[in-house]
């Protein structure tokens, strides 16, 4: 009797559905005319752990094209990065903006 009850509430190991990898999102840094380039480089170093040459390259890419990809992350992590950057920029009174889009 006990085994019949347990079978009712369990599934076969082989019948479990496959786990999907989470969707990935690009975190984008947008150009503005007020945030100093050096501050943007420091943000990229601080929040994306970029080396100075790579951070400078990304900053210049955003400056030339209007936006640049800072990294590709799972949705929750990307949202968290954006919130941290915006809060940090506002704390320094800069209008730096970020967004995310599906990768």
Protein backbone atom coordinates (compact mmCIF):
# COMPACT_ATOMS: atom_id res chain seq x y z
CA UNK A 1 0.00 0.00 0.00
CA UNK A 2 2.78 2.44 0.94
CA UNK A 3 4.51 2.00 -2.46
CA UNK A 4 1.29 2.68 -4.36
CA UNK A 5 0.78 5.96 -2.52
CA UNK A 6 4.37 7.06 -3.18
CA UNK A 7 4.08 6.27 -6.90
CA UNK A 8 1.15 8.66 -7.10
CA UNK A 9 3.30 11.62 -6.01
CA UNK A 10 6.56 10.87 -7.78
CA UNK A 11 7.69 10.96 -11.38
CA UNK A 12 10.02 8.72 -13.28
CA UNK A 13 13.55 10.08 -13.58
CA UNK A 14 13.47 9.71 -17.36
CA UNK A 15 10.16 11.56 -17.68
CA UNK A 16 11.39 14.85 -16.19
CA UNK A 17 11.45 17.71 -18.65
CA UNK A 18 14.79 19.09 -19.77
CA UNK A 19 16.00 22.30 -18.13
CA UNK A 20 16.43 25.24 -20.47
CA UNK A 21 19.25 27.72 -20.19
CA UNK A 22 18.03 31.17 -19.15
CA UNK A 23 17.58 33.82 -21.83
CA UNK A 24 20.48 36.21 -22.09
CA UNK A 25 20.35 39.99 -22.28
CA UNK A 26 22.85 42.61 -23.40
CA UNK A 27 23.47 45.47 -21.00
CA UNK A 28 23.83 48.64 -23.08
CA UNK A 29 25.49 51.88 -22.05
CA UNK A 30 24.05 54.99 -23.71
CA UNK A 31 25.87 58.13 -24.71
CA UNK A 32 24.89 61.43 -23.17
CA UNK A 33 26.43 64.88 -23.45
CA UNK A 34 26.93 65.45 -19.72
CA UNK A 35 28.64 62.42 -18.17
CA UNK A 36 32.44 62.73 -18.36
CA UNK A 37 34.24 60.03 -20.32
CA UNK A 38 36.51 59.27 -17.36
CA UNK A 39 33.46 58.59 -15.16
CA UNK A 40 32.08 56.17 -17.76
CA UNK A 41 35.42 54.34 -17.88
CA UNK A 42 35.43 54.09 -14.08
CA UNK A 43 31.86 52.67 -14.13
CA UNK A 44 32.91 50.00 -16.63
CA UNK A 45 35.90 49.10 -14.48
CA UNK A 46 33.88 49.02 -11.27
CA UNK A 47 30.71 47.23 -12.38
CA UNK A 48 31.91 45.10 -15.29
CA UNK A 49 35.47 44.44 -14.04
CA UNK A 50 36.96 45.65 -17.30
CA UNK A 51 40.62 46.53 -17.64
CA UNK A 52 41.20 50.20 -18.42
CA UNK A 53 42.03 49.66 -22.13
CA UNK A 54 38.85 47.60 -22.67
CA UNK A 55 36.73 50.05 -20.66
CA UNK A 56 38.09 52.93 -22.74
CA UNK A 57 37.29 51.03 -25.94
CA UNK A 58 33.68 50.40 -24.84
CA UNK A 59 33.27 54.03 -23.74
CA UNK A 60 34.56 55.28 -27.12
CA UNK A 61 32.25 52.84 -28.91
CA UNK A 62 29.28 54.28 -26.99
CA UNK A 63 30.50 57.80 -27.74
CA UNK A 64 30.77 57.11 -31.48
CA UNK A 65 27.68 54.93 -32.00
CA UNK A 66 25.34 56.21 -29.29
CA UNK A 67 25.39 52.98 -27.30
CA UNK A 68 27.69 50.05 -26.57
CA UNK A 69 27.37 46.56 -25.13
CA UNK A 70 28.92 46.25 -21.66
CA UNK A 71 28.17 42.58 -21.13
CA UNK A 72 25.72 39.74 -21.65
CA UNK A 73 23.94 38.29 -18.63
CA UNK A 74 20.84 36.46 -17.39
CA UNK A 75 17.84 38.77 -17.03
CA UNK A 76 17.97 39.21 -13.24
CA UNK A 77 21.69 39.89 -13.24
CA UNK A 78 21.38 42.37 -16.12
CA UNK A 79 18.58 44.24 -14.29
CA UNK A 80 20.68 44.33 -11.14
CA UNK A 81 23.70 45.77 -12.99
CA UNK A 82 21.55 48.47 -14.58
CA UNK A 83 20.06 49.46 -11.22
CA UNK A 84 23.49 49.63 -9.59
CA UNK A 85 24.93 51.79 -12.38
CA UNK A 86 22.02 54.22 -12.46
CA UNK A 87 22.07 54.56 -8.66
CA UNK A 88 25.84 55.12 -8.69
CA UNK A 89 25.61 57.70 -11.49
CA UNK A 90 22.76 59.57 -9.77
CA UNK A 91 24.82 59.60 -6.58
CA UNK A 92 27.50 61.44 -8.53
CA UNK A 93 24.88 63.66 -10.21
CA UNK A 94 25.38 62.30 -13.73
CA UNK A 95 22.56 61.27 -16.10
CA UNK A 96 24.31 58.11 -17.32
CA UNK A 97 21.75 55.63 -18.61
CA UNK A 98 21.77 51.93 -19.34
CA UNK A 99 19.26 49.54 -20.80
CA UNK A 100 19.05 45.92 -21.77
CA UNK A 101 17.85 44.02 -24.79
CA UNK A 102 17.63 40.39 -25.70
CA UNK A 103 20.94 38.98 -26.86
